[in-house]
């Protein structure tokens, strides 16, 4: 048995145990912590993926668009994750649809999310996401759950933004007989737009039955439409970094995180805006 096959078997066993036997199903997060949604605590850096961190960030969507995020955990096909998003802004607020897939034919998790957010004046945004989650292990188990996520953002000044969100505060039951449920997650954070070229943010995360952690991330525009992103999560202790390039109304990001024992987890993010907007730190 090769090292890759050994790791694959170990991870498969762990995922099944966490998904079926635990009382709180762990939340599936990208291993490049907060990379897709790191613009949540900013107006300039916000995009469709920002609602992953805080659903209220959807209120800062500037125009209709769509995106795709793909991640291969530790270079194993069985632990690939895919996220597709699409959204648009209206006079009544912003709407978005998100679809997620993790796993392979013998074990997979799928999820559909409907998001809505709107600005309440110039100082506060409110948002919510409605999740339909499905877990499937052929010939063994199939479960589903519905739950909600709520978020608020405060624009303390033109450059400083803060907010908090609650992921599955109630409900989300997968198996009522053993009280198994989707874990609750609480986030609070802030972002500081130091300049048009540099943005930094930090957030504290508390997932049910886990120790609290801190995400610290930054984005720096090297030249017009070319930027660098990096950060670290104190719980997983996995640093991540990525580069992004915007070409007219397209944007492509390449990112990776690193684990000292398990190796790298490469990721690709693609965004498309329906109309071109002026260049900024995003």
C-alpha atoms as a PDB file:
ATOM      1  CA  UNK A   1       0.000   0.000   0.000  1.00  0.00           C
ATOM      2  CA  UNK A   2       1.381   3.381  -0.965  1.00  0.00           C
ATOM      3  CA  UNK A   3       1.572   6.331   1.415  1.00  0.00           C
ATOM      4  CA  UNK A   4      -1.201   8.080  -0.535  1.00  0.00           C
ATOM      5  CA  UNK A   5      -3.505   5.039  -0.292  1.00  0.00           C
ATOM      6  CA  UNK A   6      -2.790   4.759   3.434  1.00  0.00           C
ATOM      7  CA  UNK A   7      -3.667   8.416   4.061  1.00  0.00           C
ATOM      8  CA  UNK A   8      -6.774   8.096   1.930  1.00  0.00           C
ATOM      9  CA  UNK A   9      -8.037   5.133   3.970  1.00  0.00           C
ATOM     10  CA  UNK A  10      -7.317   6.849   7.273  1.00  0.00           C
ATOM     11  CA  UNK A  11      -9.130  10.032   6.231  1.00  0.00           C
ATOM     12  CA  UNK A  12     -12.074   8.083   4.863  1.00  0.00           C
ATOM     13  CA  UNK A  13     -12.522   6.321   8.214  1.00  0.00           C
ATOM     14  CA  UNK A  14     -12.264   9.603  10.139  1.00  0.00           C
ATOM     15  CA  UNK A  15     -14.763  11.387   7.922  1.00  0.00           C
ATOM     16  CA  UNK A  16     -17.297   8.584   8.246  1.00  0.00           C
ATOM     17  CA  UNK A  17     -16.876   8.530  12.031  1.00  0.00           C
ATOM     18  CA  UNK A  18     -17.342  12.276  12.317  1.00  0.00           C
ATOM     19  CA  UNK A  19     -20.321  12.305   9.987  1.00  0.00           C
ATOM     20  CA  UNK A  20     -22.275   9.404  11.455  1.00  0.00           C
ATOM     21  CA  UNK A  21     -21.309   8.874  15.081  1.00  0.00           C
ATOM     22  CA  UNK A  22     -20.712  12.367  16.464  1.00  0.00           C
ATOM     23  CA  UNK A  23     -23.460  14.394  18.088  1.00  0.00           C
ATOM     24  CA  UNK A  24     -22.420  17.560  16.256  1.00  0.00           C
ATOM     25  CA  UNK A  25     -21.531  17.113  12.586  1.00  0.00           C
ATOM     26  CA  UNK A  26     -18.433  19.211  11.923  1.00  0.00           C
ATOM     27  CA  UNK A  27     -18.841  22.117   9.513  1.00  0.00           C
ATOM     28  CA  UNK A  28     -17.151  21.565   6.158  1.00  0.00           C
ATOM     29  CA  UNK A  29     -14.723  24.461   5.707  1.00  0.00           C
ATOM     30  CA  UNK A  30     -12.084  25.049   3.028  1.00  0.00           C
ATOM     31  CA  UNK A  31      -8.632  24.053   4.264  1.00  0.00           C
ATOM     32  CA  UNK A  32      -7.307  27.343   2.940  1.00  0.00           C
ATOM     33  CA  UNK A  33      -8.987  29.033   5.933  1.00  0.00           C
ATOM     34  CA  UNK A  34     -11.250  31.927   4.978  1.00  0.00           C
ATOM     35  CA  UNK A  35      -9.568  32.385   1.581  1.00  0.00           C
ATOM     36  CA  UNK A  36     -12.752  32.473  -0.525  1.00  0.00           C
ATOM     37  CA  UNK A  37     -14.605  34.718   1.929  1.00  0.00           C
ATOM     38  CA  UNK A  38     -11.817  36.904   3.287  1.00  0.00           C
ATOM     39  CA  UNK A  39     -13.349  40.082   1.841  1.00  0.00           C
ATOM     40  CA  UNK A  40     -16.342  39.855   4.172  1.00  0.00           C
ATOM     41  CA  UNK A  41     -15.170  42.649   6.504  1.00  0.00           C
ATOM     42  CA  UNK A  42     -14.621  45.146   3.701  1.00  0.00           C
ATOM     43  CA  UNK A  43     -16.625  47.079   1.143  1.00  0.00           C
ATOM     44  CA  UNK A  44     -13.881  47.254  -1.470  1.00  0.00           C
ATOM     45  CA  UNK A  45     -12.772  43.632  -1.201  1.00  0.00           C
ATOM     46  CA  UNK A  46     -16.248  42.086  -0.925  1.00  0.00           C
ATOM     47  CA  UNK A  47     -17.389  39.636  -3.590  1.00  0.00           C
ATOM     48  CA  UNK A  48     -19.860  36.758  -3.925  1.00  0.00           C
ATOM     49  CA  UNK A  49     -17.735  34.375  -1.854  1.00  0.00           C
ATOM     50  CA  UNK A  50     -17.685  36.823   1.080  1.00  0.00           C
ATOM     51  CA  UNK A  51     -21.074  35.544   2.208  1.00  0.00           C
ATOM     52  CA  UNK A  52     -19.358  32.264   3.208  1.00  0.00           C
ATOM     53  CA  UNK A  53     -17.866  34.134   6.184  1.00  0.00           C
ATOM     54  CA  UNK A  54     -20.789  36.501   6.851  1.00  0.00           C
ATOM     55  CA  UNK A  55     -24.081  36.474   4.894  1.00  0.00           C
ATOM     56  CA  UNK A  56     -24.475  40.231   5.441  1.00  0.00           C
ATOM     57  CA  UNK A  57     -21.469  40.800   3.150  1.00  0.00           C
ATOM     58  CA  UNK A  58     -23.757  39.961   0.233  1.00  0.00           C
ATOM     59  CA  UNK A  59     -25.261  43.451   0.641  1.00  0.00           C
ATOM     60  CA  UNK A  60     -21.980  44.885  -0.718  1.00  0.00           C
ATOM     61  CA  UNK A  61     -22.303  43.002  -4.018  1.00  0.00           C
ATOM     62  CA  UNK A  62     -21.745  45.583  -6.740  1.00  0.00           C
ATOM     63  CA  UNK A  63     -23.261  43.751  -9.720  1.00  0.00           C
ATOM     64  CA  UNK A  64     -24.545  40.370 -10.812  1.00  0.00           C
ATOM     65  CA  UNK A  65     -21.998  37.616 -11.200  1.00  0.00           C
ATOM     66  CA  UNK A  66     -21.018  33.999 -10.618  1.00  0.00           C
ATOM     67  CA  UNK A  67     -18.050  32.068  -9.268  1.00  0.00           C
ATOM     68  CA  UNK A  68     -16.509  28.656  -8.701  1.00  0.00           C
ATOM     69  CA  UNK A  69     -14.116  27.488  -5.976  1.00  0.00           C
ATOM     70  CA  UNK A  70     -12.352  24.110  -6.123  1.00  0.00           C
ATOM     71  CA  UNK A  71     -10.026  22.573  -3.550  1.00  0.00           C
ATOM     72  CA  UNK A  72      -8.199  19.224  -3.466  1.00  0.00           C
ATOM     73  CA  UNK A  73      -7.365  18.380   0.137  1.00  0.00           C
ATOM     74  CA  UNK A  74      -3.891  16.961   0.529  1.00  0.00           C
ATOM     75  CA  UNK A  75      -3.949  16.149  -3.230  1.00  0.00           C
ATOM     76  CA  UNK A  76      -6.510  13.363  -2.676  1.00  0.00           C
ATOM     77  CA  UNK A  77      -9.374  13.079  -5.173  1.00  0.00           C
ATOM     78  CA  UNK A  78     -11.651  11.581  -2.503  1.00  0.00           C
ATOM     79  CA  UNK A  79     -11.417  14.787  -0.472  1.00  0.00           C
ATOM     80  CA  UNK A  80     -12.114  17.361  -3.137  1.00  0.00           C
ATOM     81  CA  UNK A  81     -14.480  20.243  -2.443  1.00  0.00           C
ATOM     82  CA  UNK A  82     -16.402  22.358  -4.966  1.00  0.00           C
ATOM     83  CA  UNK A  83     -18.442  25.514  -4.379  1.00  0.00           C
ATOM     84  CA  UNK A  84     -20.464  27.372  -7.014  1.00  0.00           C
ATOM     85  CA  UNK A  85     -22.100  30.748  -6.367  1.00  0.00           C
ATOM     86  CA  UNK A  86     -24.270  33.179  -8.318  1.00  0.00           C
ATOM     87  CA  UNK A  87     -25.921  36.399  -7.220  1.00  0.00           C
ATOM     88  CA  UNK A  88     -27.432  39.724  -8.189  1.00  0.00           C
ATOM     89  CA  UNK A  89     -28.378  43.045  -6.596  1.00  0.00           C
ATOM     90  CA  UNK A  90     -31.896  44.531  -6.634  1.00  0.00           C
ATOM     91  CA  UNK A  91     -33.563  47.572  -5.074  1.00  0.00           C
ATOM     92  CA  UNK A  92     -34.913  45.249  -2.384  1.00  0.00           C
ATOM     93  CA  UNK A  93     -31.523  43.770  -1.552  1.00  0.00           C
ATOM     94  CA  UNK A  94     -29.071  41.200  -2.871  1.00  0.00           C
ATOM     95  CA  UNK A  95     -29.881  37.549  -3.602  1.00  0.00           C
ATOM     96  CA  UNK A  96     -27.504  34.635  -4.091  1.00  0.00           C
ATOM     97  CA  UNK A  97     -27.517  30.896  -4.662  1.00  0.00           C
ATOM     98  CA  UNK A  98     -24.713  28.588  -3.527  1.00  0.00           C
ATOM     99  CA  UNK A  99     -24.108  24.882  -4.213  1.00  0.00           C
ATOM    100  CA  UNK A 100     -21.457  22.741  -2.461  1.00  0.00           C
ATOM    101  CA  UNK A 101     -20.098  19.237  -3.034  1.00  0.00           C
ATOM    102  CA  UNK A 102     -17.503  17.362  -0.984  1.00  0.00           C
ATOM    103  CA  UNK A 103     -16.269  13.773  -1.292  1.00  0.00           C
ATOM    104  CA  UNK A 104     -16.653  11.077  -3.952  1.00  0.00           C
ATOM    105  CA  UNK A 105     -19.061   8.325  -5.037  1.00  0.00           C
ATOM    106  CA  UNK A 106     -18.725   6.322  -1.799  1.00  0.00           C
ATOM    107  CA  UNK A 107     -19.065   9.255   0.577  1.00  0.00           C
ATOM    108  CA  UNK A 108     -20.289  12.733  -0.241  1.00  0.00           C
ATOM    109  CA  UNK A 109     -21.905  15.810   1.210  1.00  0.00           C
ATOM    110  CA  UNK A 110     -23.984  18.224  -0.865  1.00  0.00           C
ATOM    111  CA  UNK A 111     -25.586  21.500   0.098  1.00  0.00           C
ATOM    112  CA  UNK A 112     -27.772  24.168  -1.479  1.00  0.00           C
ATOM    113  CA  UNK A 113     -27.902  27.652   0.089  1.00  0.00           C
ATOM    114  CA  UNK A 114     -30.141  30.609  -0.655  1.00  0.00           C
ATOM    115  CA  UNK A 115     -28.773  33.935   0.552  1.00  0.00           C
ATOM    116  CA  UNK A 116     -30.316  37.362   1.022  1.00  0.00           C
ATOM    117  CA  UNK A 117     -28.883  40.613   2.393  1.00  0.00           C
ATOM    118  CA  UNK A 118     -29.610  44.318   2.347  1.00  0.00           C
ATOM    119  CA  UNK A 119     -28.108  47.532   3.621  1.00  0.00           C
ATOM    120  CA  UNK A 120     -29.892  49.364   6.425  1.00  0.00           C
ATOM    121  CA  UNK A 121     -28.575  52.822   5.691  1.00  0.00           C
ATOM    122  CA  UNK A 122     -24.855  53.427   5.236  1.00  0.00           C
ATOM    123  CA  UNK A 123     -23.683  51.984   8.566  1.00  0.00           C
ATOM    124  CA  UNK A 124     -25.190  48.503   8.826  1.00  0.00           C
ATOM    125  CA  UNK A 125     -25.950  45.455   6.671  1.00  0.00           C
ATOM    126  CA  UNK A 126     -28.087  42.439   7.545  1.00  0.00           C
ATOM    127  CA  UNK A 127     -28.047  39.051   5.860  1.00  0.00           C
ATOM    128  CA  UNK A 128     -29.254  35.464   6.081  1.00  0.00           C
ATOM    129  CA  UNK A 129     -28.606  32.153   4.356  1.00  0.00           C
ATOM    130  CA  UNK A 130     -30.919  29.149   4.258  1.00  0.00           C
ATOM    131  CA  UNK A 131     -29.156  25.785   3.959  1.00  0.00           C
ATOM    132  CA  UNK A 132     -30.334  22.381   2.761  1.00  0.00           C
ATOM    133  CA  UNK A 133     -27.652  19.805   3.626  1.00  0.00           C
ATOM    134  CA  UNK A 134     -27.446  16.179   2.468  1.00  0.00           C
ATOM    135  CA  UNK A 135     -25.088  13.392   3.578  1.00  0.00           C
ATOM    136  CA  UNK A 136     -24.846  10.187   1.528  1.00  0.00           C
ATOM    137  CA  UNK A 137     -22.938   6.958   2.169  1.00  0.00           C
ATOM    138  CA  UNK A 138     -24.254   4.288  -0.263  1.00  0.00           C
ATOM    139  CA  UNK A 139     -25.627   1.149   1.416  1.00  0.00           C
ATOM    140  CA  UNK A 140     -25.023   2.666   4.837  1.00  0.00           C
ATOM    141  CA  UNK A 141     -26.582   6.061   5.524  1.00  0.00           C
ATOM    142  CA  UNK A 142     -28.401   8.999   3.992  1.00  0.00           C
ATOM    143  CA  UNK A 143     -29.409  12.057   6.015  1.00  0.00           C
ATOM    144  CA  UNK A 144     -30.489  15.626   5.404  1.00  0.00           C
ATOM    145  CA  UNK A 145     -31.049  18.766   7.434  1.00  0.00           C
ATOM    146  CA  UNK A 146     -32.322  22.311   7.019  1.00  0.00           C
ATOM    147  CA  UNK A 147     -30.859  25.212   8.985  1.00  0.00           C
ATOM    148  CA  UNK A 148     -30.278  28.959   8.839  1.00  0.00           C
ATOM    149  CA  UNK A 149     -27.364  31.367   9.203  1.00  0.00           C
ATOM    150  CA  UNK A 150     -27.611  35.021  10.221  1.00  0.00           C
ATOM    151  CA  UNK A 151     -25.100  37.863   9.987  1.00  0.00           C
ATOM    152  CA  UNK A 152     -24.666  41.593  10.553  1.00  0.00           C
ATOM    153  CA  UNK A 153     -21.955  44.015   9.454  1.00  0.00           C
ATOM    154  CA  UNK A 154     -21.197  47.493  10.828  1.00  0.00           C
ATOM    155  CA  UNK A 155     -19.324  50.114   8.789  1.00  0.00           C
ATOM    156  CA  UNK A 156     -17.651  52.000  11.605  1.00  0.00           C
ATOM    157  CA  UNK A 157     -15.893  54.350   9.184  1.00  0.00           C
ATOM    158  CA  UNK A 158     -14.922  54.465   5.539  1.00  0.00           C
ATOM    159  CA  UNK A 159     -12.028  52.073   6.247  1.00  0.00           C
ATOM    160  CA  UNK A 160     -13.031  50.062   9.335  1.00  0.00           C
ATOM    161  CA  UNK A 161     -15.726  47.385   9.276  1.00  0.00           C
ATOM    162  CA  UNK A 162     -16.823  44.821  11.869  1.00  0.00           C
ATOM    163  CA  UNK A 163     -19.478  42.172  12.242  1.00  0.00           C
ATOM    164  CA  UNK A 164     -20.610  38.849  13.581  1.00  0.00           C
ATOM    165  CA  UNK A 165     -22.543  35.839  12.319  1.00  0.00           C
ATOM    166  CA  UNK A 166     -24.321  32.802  13.751  1.00  0.00           C
ATOM    167  CA  UNK A 167     -24.288  29.541  11.776  1.00  0.00           C
ATOM    168  CA  UNK A 168     -27.067  27.084  12.652  1.00  0.00           C
ATOM    169  CA  UNK A 169     -28.025  28.567  16.057  1.00  0.00           C
ATOM    170  CA  UNK A 170     -30.956  26.095  16.358  1.00  0.00           C
ATOM    171  CA  UNK A 171     -32.123  23.027  14.466  1.00  0.00           C
ATOM    172  CA  UNK A 172     -30.053  21.327  11.800  1.00  0.00           C
ATOM    173  CA  UNK A 173     -30.925  17.819  13.079  1.00  0.00           C
ATOM    174  CA  UNK A 174     -29.494  14.926  11.030  1.00  0.00           C
ATOM    175  CA  UNK A 175     -30.443  11.970  13.215  1.00  0.00           C
ATOM    176  CA  UNK A 176     -33.116  12.618  15.820  1.00  0.00           C
ATOM    177  CA  UNK A 177     -32.709   9.232  17.504  1.00  0.00           C
ATOM    178  CA  UNK A 178     -29.183  10.112  18.713  1.00  0.00           C
ATOM    179  CA  UNK A 179     -29.644  13.902  18.640  1.00  0.00           C
ATOM    180  CA  UNK A 180     -27.050  14.271  15.874  1.00  0.00           C
ATOM    181  CA  UNK A 181     -26.963  17.758  14.318  1.00  0.00           C
ATOM    182  CA  UNK A 182     -24.978  20.174  12.212  1.00  0.00           C
ATOM    183  CA  UNK A 183     -22.543  22.044  14.469  1.00  0.00           C
ATOM    184  CA  UNK A 184     -23.260  25.641  15.453  1.00  0.00           C
ATOM    185  CA  UNK A 185     -20.572  28.190  14.557  1.00  0.00           C
ATOM    186  CA  UNK A 186     -20.129  31.729  15.897  1.00  0.00           C
ATOM    187  CA  UNK A 187     -17.890  34.311  14.217  1.00  0.00           C
ATOM    188  CA  UNK A 188     -16.920  37.871  15.035  1.00  0.00           C
ATOM    189  CA  UNK A 189     -14.323  39.944  13.239  1.00  0.00           C
ATOM    190  CA  UNK A 190     -13.191  43.231  11.770  1.00  0.00           C
ATOM    191  CA  UNK A 191     -11.419  44.515   8.695  1.00  0.00           C
ATOM    192  CA  UNK A 192      -9.249  47.554   8.114  1.00  0.00           C
ATOM    193  CA  UNK A 193      -8.668  48.993   4.639  1.00  0.00           C
ATOM    194  CA  UNK A 194      -5.270  50.531   5.329  1.00  0.00           C
ATOM    195  CA  UNK A 195      -5.071  51.939   1.804  1.00  0.00           C
ATOM    196  CA  UNK A 196      -6.438  51.274  -1.662  1.00  0.00           C
ATOM    197  CA  UNK A 197      -3.702  48.628  -2.000  1.00  0.00           C
ATOM    198  CA  UNK A 198      -3.672  46.978   1.440  1.00  0.00           C
ATOM    199  CA  UNK A 199      -6.428  45.321   3.469  1.00  0.00           C
ATOM    200  CA  UNK A 200      -6.189  43.246   6.670  1.00  0.00           C
ATOM    201  CA  UNK A 201      -8.794  41.449   8.744  1.00  0.00           C
ATOM    202  CA  UNK A 202      -9.037  39.157  11.757  1.00  0.00           C
ATOM    203  CA  UNK A 203     -11.871  37.094  13.148  1.00  0.00           C
ATOM    204  CA  UNK A 204     -12.542  34.785  16.075  1.00  0.00           C
ATOM    205  CA  UNK A 205     -14.393  31.529  15.365  1.00  0.00           C
ATOM    206  CA  UNK A 206     -16.051  29.195  17.859  1.00  0.00           C
ATOM    207  CA  UNK A 207     -17.419  25.936  16.473  1.00  0.00           C
ATOM    208  CA  UNK A 208     -19.517  23.710  18.690  1.00  0.00           C
ATOM    209  CA  UNK A 209     -17.418  21.138  20.614  1.00  0.00           C
ATOM    210  CA  UNK A 210     -14.158  22.697  19.375  1.00  0.00           C
ATOM    211  CA  UNK A 211     -11.675  25.163  20.801  1.00  0.00           C
ATOM    212  CA  UNK A 212     -12.016  28.777  19.578  1.00  0.00           C
ATOM    213  CA  UNK A 213      -9.648  29.913  16.862  1.00  0.00           C
ATOM    214  CA  UNK A 214      -8.531  33.089  15.127  1.00  0.00           C
ATOM    215  CA  UNK A 215      -8.176  33.733  11.400  1.00  0.00           C
ATOM    216  CA  UNK A 216      -5.788  36.539  10.405  1.00  0.00           C
ATOM    217  CA  UNK A 217      -5.617  37.426   6.708  1.00  0.00           C
ATOM    218  CA  UNK A 218      -4.374  40.200   4.463  1.00  0.00           C
ATOM    219  CA  UNK A 219      -4.577  41.255   0.846  1.00  0.00           C
ATOM    220  CA  UNK A 220      -2.028  43.420  -0.944  1.00  0.00           C
ATOM    221  CA  UNK A 221      -2.316  44.783  -4.462  1.00  0.00           C
ATOM    222  CA  UNK A 222       1.121  44.479  -6.054  1.00  0.00           C
ATOM    223  CA  UNK A 223       0.184  46.157  -9.319  1.00  0.00           C
ATOM    224  CA  UNK A 224      -3.087  47.028 -11.010  1.00  0.00           C
ATOM    225  CA  UNK A 225      -5.424  44.009 -10.997  1.00  0.00           C
ATOM    226  CA  UNK A 226      -2.770  41.671  -9.530  1.00  0.00           C
ATOM    227  CA  UNK A 227      -2.859  40.955  -5.794  1.00  0.00           C
ATOM    228  CA  UNK A 228      -1.497  38.687  -3.093  1.00  0.00           C
ATOM    229  CA  UNK A 229      -3.531  37.083  -0.292  1.00  0.00           C
ATOM    230  CA  UNK A 230      -2.213  35.213   2.753  1.00  0.00           C
ATOM    231  CA  UNK A 231      -3.155  34.256   6.279  1.00  0.00           C
ATOM    232  CA  UNK A 232      -3.202  31.636   9.020  1.00  0.00           C
ATOM    233  CA  UNK A 233      -5.701  29.856  11.270  1.00  0.00           C
ATOM    234  CA  UNK A 234      -4.594  29.343  14.875  1.00  0.00           C
ATOM    235  CA  UNK A 235      -6.577  26.110  15.351  1.00  0.00           C
ATOM    236  CA  UNK A 236      -5.395  24.171  12.312  1.00  0.00           C
ATOM    237  CA  UNK A 237      -2.073  26.068  12.267  1.00  0.00           C
ATOM    238  CA  UNK A 238      -2.092  25.786   8.492  1.00  0.00           C
ATOM    239  CA  UNK A 239      -0.814  28.912   6.721  1.00  0.00           C
ATOM    240  CA  UNK A 240      -2.233  29.684   3.305  1.00  0.00           C
ATOM    241  CA  UNK A 241      -1.355  32.002   0.454  1.00  0.00           C
ATOM    242  CA  UNK A 242      -2.666  32.815  -2.982  1.00  0.00           C
ATOM    243  CA  UNK A 243      -2.398  35.176  -5.914  1.00  0.00           C
ATOM    244  CA  UNK A 244      -5.220  36.706  -7.924  1.00  0.00           C
ATOM    245  CA  UNK A 245      -5.456  38.342 -11.318  1.00  0.00           C
ATOM    246  CA  UNK A 246      -8.350  40.353 -12.713  1.00  0.00           C
ATOM    247  CA  UNK A 247      -8.776  40.632 -16.478  1.00  0.00           C
ATOM    248  CA  UNK A 248     -11.642  42.964 -17.322  1.00  0.00           C
ATOM    249  CA  UNK A 249     -14.700  41.297 -15.743  1.00  0.00           C
ATOM    250  CA  UNK A 250     -12.934  37.986 -15.012  1.00  0.00           C
ATOM    251  CA  UNK A 251     -10.875  37.070 -11.975  1.00  0.00           C
ATOM    252  CA  UNK A 252      -8.755  33.970 -11.283  1.00  0.00           C
ATOM    253  CA  UNK A 253      -7.091  33.031  -7.974  1.00  0.00           C
ATOM    254  CA  UNK A 254      -4.585  30.257  -7.275  1.00  0.00           C
ATOM    255  CA  UNK A 255      -4.113  29.368  -3.615  1.00  0.00           C
ATOM    256  CA  UNK A 256      -2.728  26.647  -1.365  1.00  0.00           C
ATOM    257  CA  UNK A 257      -2.457  25.701   2.290  1.00  0.00           C
ATOM    258  CA  UNK A 258       0.218  23.528   3.869  1.00  0.00           C
ATOM    259  CA  UNK A 259       0.152  20.852   6.556  1.00  0.00           C
ATOM    260  CA  UNK A 260       3.579  19.692   7.856  1.00  0.00           C
ATOM    261  CA  UNK A 261       2.583  16.003   7.797  1.00  0.00           C
ATOM    262  CA  UNK A 262      -0.099  15.750   5.106  1.00  0.00           C
ATOM    263  CA  UNK A 263       1.233  18.233   2.567  1.00  0.00           C
ATOM    264  CA  UNK A 264      -0.440  20.823   0.389  1.00  0.00           C
ATOM    265  CA  UNK A 265      -4.081  21.480  -0.496  1.00  0.00           C
ATOM    266  CA  UNK A 266      -4.206  23.458  -3.756  1.00  0.00           C
ATOM    267  CA  UNK A 267      -7.250  25.559  -4.639  1.00  0.00           C
ATOM    268  CA  UNK A 268      -8.577  27.440  -7.651  1.00  0.00           C
ATOM    269  CA  UNK A 269     -11.127  30.264  -7.547  1.00  0.00           C
ATOM    270  CA  UNK A 270     -12.850  31.847 -10.533  1.00  0.00           C
ATOM    271  CA  UNK A 271     -15.186  34.869 -10.547  1.00  0.00           C
ATOM    272  CA  UNK A 272     -17.132  36.455 -13.380  1.00  0.00           C
ATOM    273  CA  UNK A 273     -18.904  39.840 -13.242  1.00  0.00           C
ATOM    274  CA  UNK A 274     -21.626  40.648 -15.739  1.00  0.00           C
ATOM    275  CA  UNK A 275     -20.153  44.074 -16.309  1.00  0.00           C
ATOM    276  CA  UNK A 276     -16.675  45.530 -15.800  1.00  0.00           C
ATOM    277  CA  UNK A 277     -16.056  47.691 -12.746  1.00  0.00           C
ATOM    278  CA  UNK A 278     -13.157  50.043 -11.939  1.00  0.00           C
ATOM    279  CA  UNK A 279      -9.999  48.474 -10.502  1.00  0.00           C
ATOM    280  CA  UNK A 280      -9.551  48.458  -6.714  1.00  0.00           C
ATOM    281  CA  UNK A 281      -7.879  46.144  -4.191  1.00  0.00           C
ATOM    282  CA  UNK A 282     -10.092  43.342  -5.423  1.00  0.00           C
END
